[in-house]
């Protein structure tokens, strides 16, 4: 990825299943842009598998490179053997805005603490290996207000950087509006100030 303000998120939902010593482990992974969406997905999967022995989960909401909101639950499994291993795999992969539920239908054979950790982390790993990802880029809106004589130079600056202008307002001056990657904001601001000889008012929102 290009910078720490962008990160990988699920491009679609996925579900995989494996059997370990007669227990069925089913991993369901989905995109969740906020905690409420994650909790709804967890509830949905738990209802779908309401006859299961356990519906364990973990989520990472926000940028995994920064202050993401994380959570996990073992749902009755031995403490630290399910939710935390799932979360650890999500964090290791550097995926954000993601929720994962690993369901277990007990098959009669106890796996022990180490076996449970391997089973849950292995099942979520299998799912992530199949999961399609996309890059999420944090955008900010830029508003550039300046004289009419600088419109062409601003348009040329945007063309050179491959950015698209969203709107232009024409009043006593012009105001150019665009959504740009947060990581490009300072460089673009510098380029605009140079192209307008410092005669521009630039706001980010």
N, C-alpha and C. Protein backbone atom coordinates (compact mmCIF):
# COMPACT_ATOMS: atom_id res chain seq x y z
N UNK A 1 0.85 -1.19 0.00
CA UNK A 1 0.00 0.00 0.00
C UNK A 1 0.88 1.24 0.00
N UNK A 2 0.31 2.36 -0.41
CA UNK A 2 1.12 3.54 -0.64
C UNK A 2 1.46 4.29 0.64
N UNK A 3 0.58 4.27 1.66
CA UNK A 3 0.86 5.02 2.86
C UNK A 3 -0.02 4.49 3.98
N UNK A 4 0.21 5.00 5.19
CA UNK A 4 -0.49 4.48 6.35
C UNK A 4 -1.92 4.99 6.48
N UNK A 5 -2.32 5.96 5.65
CA UNK A 5 -3.70 6.43 5.72
C UNK A 5 -4.62 5.57 4.85
N UNK A 6 -4.06 4.68 4.05
CA UNK A 6 -4.86 3.72 3.28
C UNK A 6 -4.63 2.33 3.85
N UNK A 7 -5.62 1.47 3.70
CA UNK A 7 -5.50 0.12 4.24
C UNK A 7 -6.43 -0.84 3.52
N UNK A 8 -6.20 -2.13 3.73
CA UNK A 8 -6.98 -3.16 3.06
C UNK A 8 -8.26 -3.45 3.82
N UNK A 9 -9.35 -3.65 3.08
CA UNK A 9 -10.64 -4.02 3.65
C UNK A 9 -11.23 -5.14 2.79
N UNK A 10 -12.18 -5.91 3.35
CA UNK A 10 -12.81 -6.97 2.54
C UNK A 10 -13.58 -6.36 1.37
N UNK A 11 -13.44 -6.99 0.21
CA UNK A 11 -14.18 -6.55 -0.97
C UNK A 11 -15.54 -7.24 -1.05
N UNK A 12 -15.70 -8.34 -0.35
CA UNK A 12 -16.97 -9.06 -0.34
C UNK A 12 -17.00 -9.99 0.87
N UNK A 13 -18.15 -10.58 1.10
CA UNK A 13 -18.30 -11.53 2.20
C UNK A 13 -17.85 -12.92 1.75
N UNK A 14 -17.34 -13.71 2.69
CA UNK A 14 -16.91 -15.06 2.36
C UNK A 14 -17.22 -16.00 3.51
N UNK A 15 -17.43 -17.27 3.20
CA UNK A 15 -17.65 -18.29 4.23
C UNK A 15 -16.95 -19.57 3.81
N UNK A 16 -16.17 -20.14 4.72
CA UNK A 16 -15.49 -21.42 4.43
C UNK A 16 -15.71 -22.35 5.61
N UNK A 17 -15.50 -23.65 5.37
CA UNK A 17 -15.72 -24.64 6.43
C UNK A 17 -14.64 -25.71 6.37
N UNK A 18 -14.25 -26.19 7.55
CA UNK A 18 -13.36 -27.34 7.62
C UNK A 18 -13.76 -28.20 8.83
N UNK A 19 -13.34 -29.44 8.79
CA UNK A 19 -13.62 -30.36 9.91
C UNK A 19 -12.32 -30.74 10.59
N UNK A 20 -12.31 -30.64 11.92
CA UNK A 20 -11.14 -31.01 12.71
C UNK A 20 -11.59 -31.94 13.82
N UNK A 21 -11.15 -33.18 13.76
CA UNK A 21 -11.52 -34.19 14.76
C UNK A 21 -13.02 -34.20 15.02
N UNK A 22 -13.76 -34.27 13.92
CA UNK A 22 -15.22 -34.39 13.91
C UNK A 22 -15.96 -33.12 14.31
N UNK A 23 -15.25 -32.04 14.67
CA UNK A 23 -15.90 -30.76 14.91
C UNK A 23 -15.91 -29.95 13.62
N UNK A 24 -17.03 -29.31 13.32
CA UNK A 24 -17.13 -28.44 12.15
C UNK A 24 -16.77 -27.01 12.56
N UNK A 25 -15.86 -26.41 11.82
CA UNK A 25 -15.48 -25.01 12.04
C UNK A 25 -15.85 -24.23 10.78
N UNK A 26 -16.67 -23.20 10.95
CA UNK A 26 -17.15 -22.40 9.82
C UNK A 26 -16.77 -20.95 10.05
N UNK A 27 -16.01 -20.39 9.14
CA UNK A 27 -15.58 -18.99 9.25
C UNK A 27 -16.37 -18.13 8.27
N UNK A 28 -16.99 -17.07 8.78
CA UNK A 28 -17.68 -16.08 7.96
C UNK A 28 -17.01 -14.73 8.17
N UNK A 29 -16.62 -14.09 7.08
CA UNK A 29 -15.90 -12.81 7.15
C UNK A 29 -16.61 -11.80 6.27
N UNK A 30 -16.73 -10.56 6.77
CA UNK A 30 -17.43 -9.53 6.01
C UNK A 30 -16.81 -8.16 6.27
N UNK A 31 -17.16 -7.22 5.41
CA UNK A 31 -16.77 -5.82 5.59
C UNK A 31 -17.69 -5.18 6.62
N UNK A 32 -17.14 -4.33 7.47
CA UNK A 32 -17.93 -3.59 8.46
C UNK A 32 -17.28 -2.22 8.65
N UNK A 33 -17.95 -1.18 8.21
CA UNK A 33 -17.37 0.16 8.29
C UNK A 33 -17.51 0.78 9.68
N UNK A 34 -18.36 0.17 10.54
CA UNK A 34 -18.50 0.67 11.91
C UNK A 34 -18.86 -0.50 12.83
N UNK A 35 -18.78 -0.24 14.14
CA UNK A 35 -19.00 -1.29 15.13
C UNK A 35 -20.43 -1.83 15.07
N UNK A 36 -21.41 -0.96 14.83
CA UNK A 36 -22.80 -1.39 14.76
C UNK A 36 -23.01 -2.40 13.64
N UNK A 37 -22.38 -2.16 12.49
CA UNK A 37 -22.48 -3.10 11.36
C UNK A 37 -21.84 -4.43 11.73
N UNK A 38 -20.70 -4.38 12.42
CA UNK A 38 -20.03 -5.60 12.84
C UNK A 38 -20.91 -6.42 13.79
N UNK A 39 -21.53 -5.74 14.75
CA UNK A 39 -22.37 -6.44 15.72
C UNK A 39 -23.61 -7.04 15.06
N UNK A 40 -24.15 -6.35 14.06
CA UNK A 40 -25.30 -6.90 13.32
C UNK A 40 -24.91 -8.17 12.58
N UNK A 41 -23.72 -8.16 11.99
CA UNK A 41 -23.24 -9.34 11.26
C UNK A 41 -23.04 -10.51 12.23
N UNK A 42 -22.45 -10.23 13.38
CA UNK A 42 -22.24 -11.27 14.39
C UNK A 42 -23.58 -11.87 14.82
N UNK A 43 -24.56 -11.01 15.05
CA UNK A 43 -25.89 -11.48 15.44
C UNK A 43 -26.53 -12.32 14.34
N UNK A 44 -26.37 -11.87 13.11
CA UNK A 44 -26.93 -12.59 11.96
C UNK A 44 -26.34 -14.00 11.84
N UNK A 45 -25.03 -14.10 11.95
CA UNK A 45 -24.38 -15.41 11.85
C UNK A 45 -24.73 -16.28 13.04
N UNK A 46 -24.81 -15.69 14.22
CA UNK A 46 -25.15 -16.45 15.43
C UNK A 46 -26.56 -17.02 15.33
N UNK A 47 -27.49 -16.26 14.75
CA UNK A 47 -28.85 -16.75 14.57
C UNK A 47 -28.89 -17.86 13.51
N UNK A 48 -28.09 -17.68 12.47
CA UNK A 48 -28.02 -18.69 11.42
C UNK A 48 -27.52 -20.01 11.98
N UNK A 49 -26.58 -19.93 12.93
CA UNK A 49 -26.00 -21.14 13.54
C UNK A 49 -26.38 -21.20 15.02
N UNK A 50 -27.67 -21.01 15.31
CA UNK A 50 -28.07 -20.99 16.72
C UNK A 50 -27.98 -22.35 17.39
N UNK A 51 -27.79 -23.40 16.61
CA UNK A 51 -27.61 -24.74 17.18
C UNK A 51 -26.16 -25.12 17.38
N UNK A 52 -25.26 -24.18 17.07
CA UNK A 52 -23.83 -24.47 17.18
C UNK A 52 -23.39 -24.43 18.64
N UNK A 53 -22.26 -25.06 18.90
CA UNK A 53 -21.70 -25.04 20.26
C UNK A 53 -21.15 -23.66 20.62
N UNK A 54 -20.52 -22.99 19.63
CA UNK A 54 -19.91 -21.68 19.87
C UNK A 54 -19.96 -20.84 18.60
N UNK A 55 -20.20 -19.55 18.77
CA UNK A 55 -20.07 -18.58 17.68
C UNK A 55 -19.09 -17.51 18.17
N UNK A 56 -17.83 -17.75 17.93
CA UNK A 56 -16.78 -16.84 18.41
C UNK A 56 -16.53 -15.77 17.36
N UNK A 57 -15.99 -14.62 17.78
CA UNK A 57 -15.82 -13.55 16.79
C UNK A 57 -14.69 -12.61 17.16
N UNK A 58 -14.33 -11.80 16.16
CA UNK A 58 -13.40 -10.70 16.34
C UNK A 58 -13.67 -9.67 15.26
N UNK A 59 -13.35 -8.41 15.56
CA UNK A 59 -13.50 -7.37 14.55
C UNK A 59 -12.41 -6.32 14.70
N UNK A 60 -12.11 -5.66 13.58
CA UNK A 60 -11.17 -4.54 13.55
C UNK A 60 -11.85 -3.44 12.75
N UNK A 61 -12.28 -2.37 13.43
CA UNK A 61 -12.97 -1.28 12.77
C UNK A 61 -12.03 -0.08 12.69
N UNK A 62 -11.81 0.39 11.47
CA UNK A 62 -10.91 1.52 11.27
C UNK A 62 -9.59 1.08 10.68
N UNK A 63 -8.63 1.97 10.77
CA UNK A 63 -7.32 1.75 10.17
C UNK A 63 -6.46 0.84 11.07
N UNK A 64 -6.09 -0.35 10.60
CA UNK A 64 -5.28 -1.25 11.42
C UNK A 64 -3.88 -0.71 11.69
N UNK A 65 -3.47 0.31 10.92
CA UNK A 65 -2.17 0.93 11.13
C UNK A 65 -2.23 2.04 12.19
N UNK A 66 -3.44 2.34 12.64
CA UNK A 66 -3.62 3.41 13.61
C UNK A 66 -4.42 2.95 14.81
N UNK A 67 -5.35 3.80 15.22
CA UNK A 67 -6.15 3.50 16.41
C UNK A 67 -7.47 2.84 16.02
N UNK A 68 -7.40 1.61 15.63
CA UNK A 68 -8.60 0.87 15.25
C UNK A 68 -9.38 0.44 16.49
N UNK A 69 -10.69 0.30 16.34
CA UNK A 69 -11.56 -0.22 17.40
C UNK A 69 -11.61 -1.73 17.24
N UNK A 70 -11.11 -2.47 18.20
CA UNK A 70 -11.07 -3.92 18.08
C UNK A 70 -11.90 -4.57 19.19
N UNK A 71 -12.35 -5.79 18.92
CA UNK A 71 -13.11 -6.53 19.92
C UNK A 71 -13.09 -8.02 19.58
N UNK A 72 -13.32 -8.85 20.57
CA UNK A 72 -13.37 -10.29 20.33
C UNK A 72 -14.13 -10.96 21.46
N UNK A 73 -14.57 -12.21 21.21
CA UNK A 73 -15.31 -12.95 22.22
C UNK A 73 -15.12 -14.45 21.98
N UNK A 74 -14.91 -15.19 23.08
CA UNK A 74 -14.69 -16.64 22.98
C UNK A 74 -16.00 -17.44 22.99
N UNK A 75 -17.10 -16.81 23.35
CA UNK A 75 -18.41 -17.46 23.38
C UNK A 75 -18.40 -18.84 24.03
N UNK A 76 -17.80 -18.90 25.21
CA UNK A 76 -17.85 -20.14 25.99
C UNK A 76 -16.67 -21.07 25.80
N UNK A 77 -15.84 -20.82 24.82
CA UNK A 77 -14.63 -21.63 24.68
C UNK A 77 -13.65 -21.23 25.80
N UNK A 78 -12.63 -22.04 25.99
CA UNK A 78 -11.62 -21.72 27.00
C UNK A 78 -11.05 -20.33 26.71
N UNK A 79 -10.96 -19.49 27.74
CA UNK A 79 -10.51 -18.12 27.56
C UNK A 79 -9.21 -18.00 26.79
N UNK A 80 -9.21 -17.16 25.76
CA UNK A 80 -8.01 -16.91 24.97
C UNK A 80 -7.75 -17.90 23.86
N UNK A 81 -8.68 -18.87 23.65
CA UNK A 81 -8.42 -19.90 22.63
C UNK A 81 -9.15 -19.66 21.32
N UNK A 82 -10.04 -18.65 21.26
CA UNK A 82 -10.86 -18.50 20.06
C UNK A 82 -10.85 -17.05 19.55
N UNK A 83 -11.53 -16.16 20.29
CA UNK A 83 -11.65 -14.78 19.81
C UNK A 83 -10.31 -14.09 19.63
N UNK A 84 -9.43 -14.22 20.60
CA UNK A 84 -8.13 -13.55 20.52
C UNK A 84 -7.28 -14.10 19.37
N UNK A 85 -7.21 -15.41 19.16
CA UNK A 85 -6.47 -15.90 17.99
C UNK A 85 -7.04 -15.40 16.66
N UNK A 86 -8.38 -15.30 16.58
CA UNK A 86 -8.99 -14.77 15.35
C UNK A 86 -8.55 -13.33 15.15
N UNK A 87 -8.62 -12.53 16.22
CA UNK A 87 -8.21 -11.12 16.14
C UNK A 87 -6.74 -11.01 15.76
N UNK A 88 -5.91 -11.86 16.31
CA UNK A 88 -4.46 -11.80 16.03
C UNK A 88 -4.19 -12.03 14.55
N UNK A 89 -4.93 -12.96 13.94
CA UNK A 89 -4.74 -13.24 12.51
C UNK A 89 -5.20 -12.04 11.68
N UNK A 90 -6.33 -11.44 12.03
CA UNK A 90 -6.81 -10.25 11.32
C UNK A 90 -5.77 -9.13 11.39
N UNK A 91 -5.22 -8.92 12.58
CA UNK A 91 -4.23 -7.85 12.76
C UNK A 91 -2.94 -8.16 12.02
N UNK A 92 -2.54 -9.42 12.03
CA UNK A 92 -1.31 -9.81 11.33
C UNK A 92 -1.43 -9.56 9.83
N UNK A 93 -2.64 -9.77 9.30
CA UNK A 93 -2.87 -9.54 7.87
C UNK A 93 -3.02 -8.06 7.53
N UNK A 94 -3.17 -7.21 8.56
CA UNK A 94 -3.30 -5.78 8.31
C UNK A 94 -4.61 -5.39 7.65
N UNK A 95 -5.69 -6.08 8.01
CA UNK A 95 -7.00 -5.80 7.42
C UNK A 95 -7.83 -4.95 8.37
N UNK A 96 -8.49 -3.93 7.85
CA UNK A 96 -9.35 -3.07 8.65
C UNK A 96 -10.79 -3.18 8.20
N UNK A 97 -11.70 -2.57 8.96
CA UNK A 97 -13.13 -2.59 8.65
C UNK A 97 -13.59 -4.02 8.35
N UNK A 98 -13.24 -4.93 9.25
CA UNK A 98 -13.51 -6.35 9.02
C UNK A 98 -14.11 -6.98 10.27
N UNK A 99 -15.03 -7.91 10.06
CA UNK A 99 -15.62 -8.68 11.15
C UNK A 99 -15.57 -10.16 10.75
N UNK A 100 -15.22 -11.00 11.70
CA UNK A 100 -15.10 -12.44 11.43
C UNK A 100 -15.79 -13.23 12.54
N UNK A 101 -16.59 -14.20 12.16
CA UNK A 101 -17.23 -15.11 13.09
C UNK A 101 -16.80 -16.52 12.74
N UNK A 102 -16.28 -17.24 13.73
CA UNK A 102 -15.93 -18.64 13.51
C UNK A 102 -16.86 -19.48 14.39
N UNK A 103 -17.69 -20.26 13.72
CA UNK A 103 -18.69 -21.11 14.38
C UNK A 103 -18.12 -22.51 14.56
N UNK A 104 -18.42 -23.11 15.71
CA UNK A 104 -17.98 -24.49 15.94
C UNK A 104 -19.18 -25.35 16.32
N UNK A 105 -19.31 -26.45 15.59
CA UNK A 105 -20.24 -27.52 15.96
C UNK A 105 -19.41 -28.64 16.57
N UNK A 106 -19.51 -28.82 17.87
CA UNK A 106 -18.68 -29.79 18.60
C UNK A 106 -18.94 -31.21 18.11
N UNK A 107 -17.84 -31.93 17.82
CA UNK A 107 -17.97 -33.28 17.27
C UNK A 107 -17.73 -34.39 18.26
N UNK A 108 -17.50 -34.04 19.53
CA UNK A 108 -17.35 -35.07 20.55
C UNK A 108 -15.93 -35.28 21.02
N UNK A 109 -14.95 -34.72 20.31
CA UNK A 109 -13.55 -34.88 20.69
C UNK A 109 -13.00 -33.54 21.17
N UNK A 110 -12.50 -33.51 22.38
CA UNK A 110 -11.93 -32.28 22.92
C UNK A 110 -10.57 -32.03 22.30
N UNK A 111 -10.30 -30.78 22.00
CA UNK A 111 -9.06 -30.42 21.30
C UNK A 111 -7.98 -29.90 22.23
N UNK A 112 -8.34 -29.52 23.46
CA UNK A 112 -7.35 -28.94 24.36
C UNK A 112 -7.06 -27.50 23.99
N UNK A 113 -6.38 -26.81 24.87
CA UNK A 113 -6.12 -25.39 24.67
C UNK A 113 -5.35 -25.11 23.38
N UNK A 114 -4.24 -25.80 23.21
CA UNK A 114 -3.43 -25.59 22.01
C UNK A 114 -4.18 -25.97 20.75
N UNK A 115 -4.94 -27.05 20.82
CA UNK A 115 -5.70 -27.51 19.66
C UNK A 115 -6.77 -26.51 19.26
N UNK A 116 -7.41 -25.90 20.26
CA UNK A 116 -8.43 -24.89 19.96
C UNK A 116 -7.82 -23.66 19.29
N UNK A 117 -6.70 -23.18 19.82
CA UNK A 117 -6.03 -22.03 19.22
C UNK A 117 -5.67 -22.31 17.77
N UNK A 118 -5.12 -23.50 17.52
CA UNK A 118 -4.75 -23.86 16.15
C UNK A 118 -5.98 -23.97 15.26
N UNK A 119 -7.06 -24.52 15.79
CA UNK A 119 -8.27 -24.71 15.00
C UNK A 119 -8.90 -23.38 14.61
N UNK A 120 -9.03 -22.49 15.57
CA UNK A 120 -9.67 -21.20 15.27
C UNK A 120 -8.78 -20.32 14.40
N UNK A 121 -7.50 -20.24 14.73
CA UNK A 121 -6.60 -19.42 13.92
C UNK A 121 -6.43 -20.02 12.52
N UNK A 122 -6.41 -21.34 12.44
CA UNK A 122 -6.28 -22.00 11.14
C UNK A 122 -7.50 -21.81 10.27
N UNK A 123 -8.68 -21.84 10.89
CA UNK A 123 -9.92 -21.67 10.11
C UNK A 123 -10.04 -20.25 9.58
N UNK A 124 -9.73 -19.26 10.39
CA UNK A 124 -9.81 -17.88 9.91
C UNK A 124 -8.72 -17.61 8.88
N UNK A 125 -7.57 -18.24 9.04
CA UNK A 125 -6.50 -18.09 8.05
C UNK A 125 -6.95 -18.62 6.70
N UNK A 126 -7.62 -19.79 6.69
CA UNK A 126 -8.14 -20.35 5.44
C UNK A 126 -9.10 -19.37 4.77
N UNK A 127 -9.97 -18.76 5.57
CA UNK A 127 -10.94 -17.82 5.01
C UNK A 127 -10.24 -16.60 4.42
N UNK A 128 -9.26 -16.06 5.14
CA UNK A 128 -8.56 -14.87 4.65
C UNK A 128 -7.73 -15.16 3.41
N UNK A 129 -7.26 -16.39 3.29
CA UNK A 129 -6.52 -16.78 2.08
C UNK A 129 -7.41 -16.70 0.84
N UNK A 130 -8.72 -16.90 1.03
CA UNK A 130 -9.67 -16.87 -0.08
C UNK A 130 -10.36 -15.51 -0.23
N UNK A 131 -10.24 -14.66 0.79
CA UNK A 131 -10.96 -13.39 0.81
C UNK A 131 -10.37 -12.39 -0.18
N UNK A 132 -11.24 -11.80 -0.99
CA UNK A 132 -10.80 -10.73 -1.89
C UNK A 132 -10.77 -9.42 -1.12
N UNK A 133 -9.69 -8.66 -1.30
CA UNK A 133 -9.49 -7.40 -0.59
C UNK A 133 -9.45 -6.23 -1.56
N UNK A 134 -9.73 -5.05 -1.04
CA UNK A 134 -9.57 -3.83 -1.81
C UNK A 134 -8.95 -2.78 -0.91
N UNK A 135 -8.38 -1.76 -1.51
CA UNK A 135 -7.73 -0.71 -0.73
C UNK A 135 -8.72 0.40 -0.40
N UNK A 136 -8.77 0.78 0.85
CA UNK A 136 -9.57 1.91 1.28
C UNK A 136 -8.64 3.10 1.48
N UNK A 137 -8.93 4.17 0.80
CA UNK A 137 -8.11 5.38 0.89
C UNK A 137 -8.92 6.47 1.59
N UNK A 138 -8.35 7.05 2.63
CA UNK A 138 -9.01 8.16 3.32
C UNK A 138 -8.98 9.41 2.45
N UNK A 139 -10.17 9.96 2.20
CA UNK A 139 -10.29 11.14 1.36
C UNK A 139 -10.60 12.37 2.21
N UNK A 140 -10.13 13.50 1.76
CA UNK A 140 -10.50 14.78 2.35
C UNK A 140 -10.98 15.69 1.23
N UNK A 141 -11.86 16.63 1.57
CA UNK A 141 -12.31 17.59 0.56
C UNK A 141 -11.42 18.82 0.62
N UNK A 142 -10.99 19.25 -0.55
CA UNK A 142 -10.19 20.48 -0.65
C UNK A 142 -11.00 21.54 -1.37
N UNK A 143 -10.96 22.76 -0.83
CA UNK A 143 -11.62 23.92 -1.46
C UNK A 143 -10.56 24.99 -1.70
N UNK A 144 -10.39 25.34 -2.96
CA UNK A 144 -9.37 26.31 -3.35
C UNK A 144 -10.07 27.55 -3.89
N UNK A 145 -9.93 28.67 -3.20
CA UNK A 145 -10.55 29.91 -3.64
C UNK A 145 -9.45 30.88 -4.10
N UNK A 146 -9.60 31.37 -5.32
CA UNK A 146 -8.58 32.25 -5.88
C UNK A 146 -9.17 33.06 -7.03
N UNK A 147 -8.35 33.85 -7.70
CA UNK A 147 -8.81 34.66 -8.81
C UNK A 147 -9.02 33.86 -10.09
N UNK A 148 -9.86 34.40 -10.97
CA UNK A 148 -10.17 33.73 -12.24
C UNK A 148 -8.91 33.46 -13.07
N UNK A 149 -7.92 34.33 -12.93
CA UNK A 149 -6.73 34.20 -13.77
C UNK A 149 -5.92 32.94 -13.47
N UNK A 150 -6.21 32.29 -12.34
CA UNK A 150 -5.45 31.09 -11.97
C UNK A 150 -6.21 29.78 -12.24
N UNK A 151 -7.39 29.88 -12.85
CA UNK A 151 -8.18 28.66 -13.06
C UNK A 151 -7.44 27.63 -13.91
N UNK A 152 -6.86 28.06 -15.00
CA UNK A 152 -6.18 27.12 -15.89
C UNK A 152 -4.97 26.47 -15.21
N UNK A 153 -4.22 27.26 -14.43
CA UNK A 153 -3.04 26.70 -13.77
C UNK A 153 -3.46 25.67 -12.72
N UNK A 154 -4.59 25.91 -12.03
CA UNK A 154 -5.09 24.93 -11.05
C UNK A 154 -5.53 23.66 -11.76
N UNK A 155 -6.25 23.83 -12.88
CA UNK A 155 -6.69 22.65 -13.64
C UNK A 155 -5.48 21.84 -14.13
N UNK A 156 -4.44 22.53 -14.57
CA UNK A 156 -3.23 21.84 -15.02
C UNK A 156 -2.56 21.08 -13.87
N UNK A 157 -2.56 21.67 -12.68
CA UNK A 157 -1.98 21.01 -11.52
C UNK A 157 -2.73 19.71 -11.21
N UNK A 158 -4.06 19.77 -11.26
CA UNK A 158 -4.86 18.57 -11.02
C UNK A 158 -4.60 17.51 -12.09
N UNK A 159 -4.51 17.95 -13.35
CA UNK A 159 -4.25 16.99 -14.45
C UNK A 159 -2.92 16.28 -14.26
N UNK A 160 -1.90 17.02 -13.84
CA UNK A 160 -0.57 16.43 -13.66
C UNK A 160 -0.54 15.40 -12.54
N UNK A 161 -1.38 15.61 -11.51
CA UNK A 161 -1.38 14.68 -10.37
C UNK A 161 -2.41 13.55 -10.55
N UNK A 162 -3.18 13.60 -11.64
CA UNK A 162 -4.16 12.55 -11.89
C UNK A 162 -5.41 12.67 -11.04
N UNK A 163 -5.62 13.82 -10.41
CA UNK A 163 -6.79 14.03 -9.57
C UNK A 163 -7.92 14.68 -10.36
N UNK A 164 -9.16 14.47 -9.90
CA UNK A 164 -10.34 14.97 -10.60
C UNK A 164 -11.00 16.09 -9.80
N UNK A 165 -11.33 17.16 -10.48
CA UNK A 165 -12.06 18.26 -9.85
C UNK A 165 -13.54 17.89 -9.78
N UNK A 166 -14.13 18.06 -8.60
CA UNK A 166 -15.54 17.70 -8.40
C UNK A 166 -16.48 18.81 -8.83
N UNK A 167 -16.10 20.05 -8.53
CA UNK A 167 -16.99 21.17 -8.84
C UNK A 167 -16.17 22.47 -8.86
N UNK A 168 -16.68 23.46 -9.59
CA UNK A 168 -16.08 24.80 -9.60
C UNK A 168 -17.21 25.81 -9.40
N UNK A 169 -17.07 26.66 -8.38
CA UNK A 169 -18.06 27.69 -8.11
C UNK A 169 -17.53 29.03 -8.62
N UNK A 170 -18.38 29.76 -9.35
CA UNK A 170 -17.97 31.04 -9.92
C UNK A 170 -18.74 32.17 -9.24
N UNK A 171 -18.03 32.97 -8.46
CA UNK A 171 -18.62 34.16 -7.82
C UNK A 171 -17.69 35.33 -8.13
N UNK A 172 -17.35 36.11 -7.13
CA UNK A 172 -16.35 37.16 -7.36
C UNK A 172 -14.99 36.54 -7.63
N UNK A 173 -14.81 35.33 -7.10
CA UNK A 173 -13.62 34.53 -7.35
C UNK A 173 -14.08 33.14 -7.76
N UNK A 174 -13.14 32.25 -8.01
CA UNK A 174 -13.52 30.86 -8.28
C UNK A 174 -13.17 30.01 -7.06
N UNK A 175 -13.98 29.00 -6.83
CA UNK A 175 -13.69 28.02 -5.78
C UNK A 175 -13.68 26.64 -6.41
N UNK A 176 -12.53 26.02 -6.41
CA UNK A 176 -12.36 24.67 -6.97
C UNK A 176 -12.51 23.66 -5.84
N UNK A 177 -13.37 22.66 -6.04
CA UNK A 177 -13.66 21.67 -5.01
C UNK A 177 -13.31 20.28 -5.53
N UNK A 178 -12.64 19.49 -4.68
CA UNK A 178 -12.27 18.12 -5.08
C UNK A 178 -12.12 17.24 -3.85
N UNK A 179 -12.31 15.96 -4.05
CA UNK A 179 -12.00 14.97 -3.02
C UNK A 179 -10.67 14.33 -3.38
N UNK A 180 -9.71 14.39 -2.45
CA UNK A 180 -8.37 13.89 -2.74
C UNK A 180 -7.89 12.97 -1.62
N UNK A 181 -6.97 12.05 -1.92
CA UNK A 181 -6.39 11.22 -0.86
C UNK A 181 -5.73 12.10 0.21
N UNK A 182 -5.98 11.78 1.45
CA UNK A 182 -5.41 12.56 2.55
C UNK A 182 -3.89 12.65 2.46
N UNK A 183 -3.27 11.58 1.98
CA UNK A 183 -1.81 11.53 1.90
C UNK A 183 -1.24 12.53 0.88
N UNK A 184 -2.09 13.02 -0.04
CA UNK A 184 -1.61 13.94 -1.07
C UNK A 184 -1.90 15.40 -0.72
N UNK A 185 -2.56 15.64 0.41
CA UNK A 185 -3.06 16.98 0.70
C UNK A 185 -1.95 18.03 0.81
N UNK A 186 -0.88 17.72 1.51
CA UNK A 186 0.17 18.72 1.71
C UNK A 186 0.92 19.04 0.42
N UNK A 187 1.21 18.00 -0.36
CA UNK A 187 1.91 18.23 -1.63
C UNK A 187 1.05 19.02 -2.60
N UNK A 188 -0.25 18.69 -2.64
CA UNK A 188 -1.13 19.42 -3.55
C UNK A 188 -1.26 20.87 -3.12
N UNK A 189 -1.37 21.09 -1.82
CA UNK A 189 -1.46 22.46 -1.31
C UNK A 189 -0.24 23.27 -1.73
N UNK A 190 0.94 22.67 -1.61
CA UNK A 190 2.18 23.35 -2.00
C UNK A 190 2.18 23.67 -3.49
N UNK A 191 1.73 22.69 -4.31
CA UNK A 191 1.70 22.89 -5.77
C UNK A 191 0.72 24.01 -6.14
N UNK A 192 -0.43 24.04 -5.49
CA UNK A 192 -1.43 25.07 -5.78
C UNK A 192 -0.91 26.45 -5.39
N UNK A 193 -0.29 26.55 -4.23
CA UNK A 193 0.24 27.84 -3.79
C UNK A 193 1.32 28.33 -4.75
N UNK A 194 2.13 27.41 -5.26
CA UNK A 194 3.16 27.80 -6.23
C UNK A 194 2.52 28.27 -7.54
N UNK A 195 1.49 27.54 -7.99
CA UNK A 195 0.88 27.87 -9.29
C UNK A 195 0.05 29.16 -9.23
N UNK A 196 -0.36 29.56 -8.04
CA UNK A 196 -1.14 30.81 -7.90
C UNK A 196 -0.31 31.93 -7.28
N UNK A 197 0.98 31.69 -7.19
CA UNK A 197 1.92 32.67 -6.61
C UNK A 197 1.47 33.08 -5.19
N UNK A 198 0.92 32.10 -4.45
CA UNK A 198 0.52 32.33 -3.08
C UNK A 198 -0.82 33.03 -2.92
N UNK A 199 -1.52 33.26 -4.02
CA UNK A 199 -2.78 34.00 -3.97
C UNK A 199 -3.98 33.07 -3.99
N UNK A 200 -4.00 32.10 -3.06
CA UNK A 200 -5.11 31.17 -2.96
C UNK A 200 -5.42 30.90 -1.50
N UNK A 201 -6.70 30.73 -1.21
CA UNK A 201 -7.13 30.33 0.12
C UNK A 201 -7.55 28.87 0.04
N UNK A 202 -6.87 28.00 0.81
CA UNK A 202 -7.10 26.56 0.72
C UNK A 202 -7.63 26.02 2.04
N UNK A 203 -8.76 25.31 1.95
CA UNK A 203 -9.37 24.71 3.14
C UNK A 203 -9.53 23.21 2.92
N UNK A 204 -9.29 22.43 3.98
CA UNK A 204 -9.54 20.99 3.94
C UNK A 204 -10.66 20.65 4.93
N UNK A 205 -11.58 19.80 4.49
CA UNK A 205 -12.66 19.36 5.39
C UNK A 205 -12.81 17.84 5.33
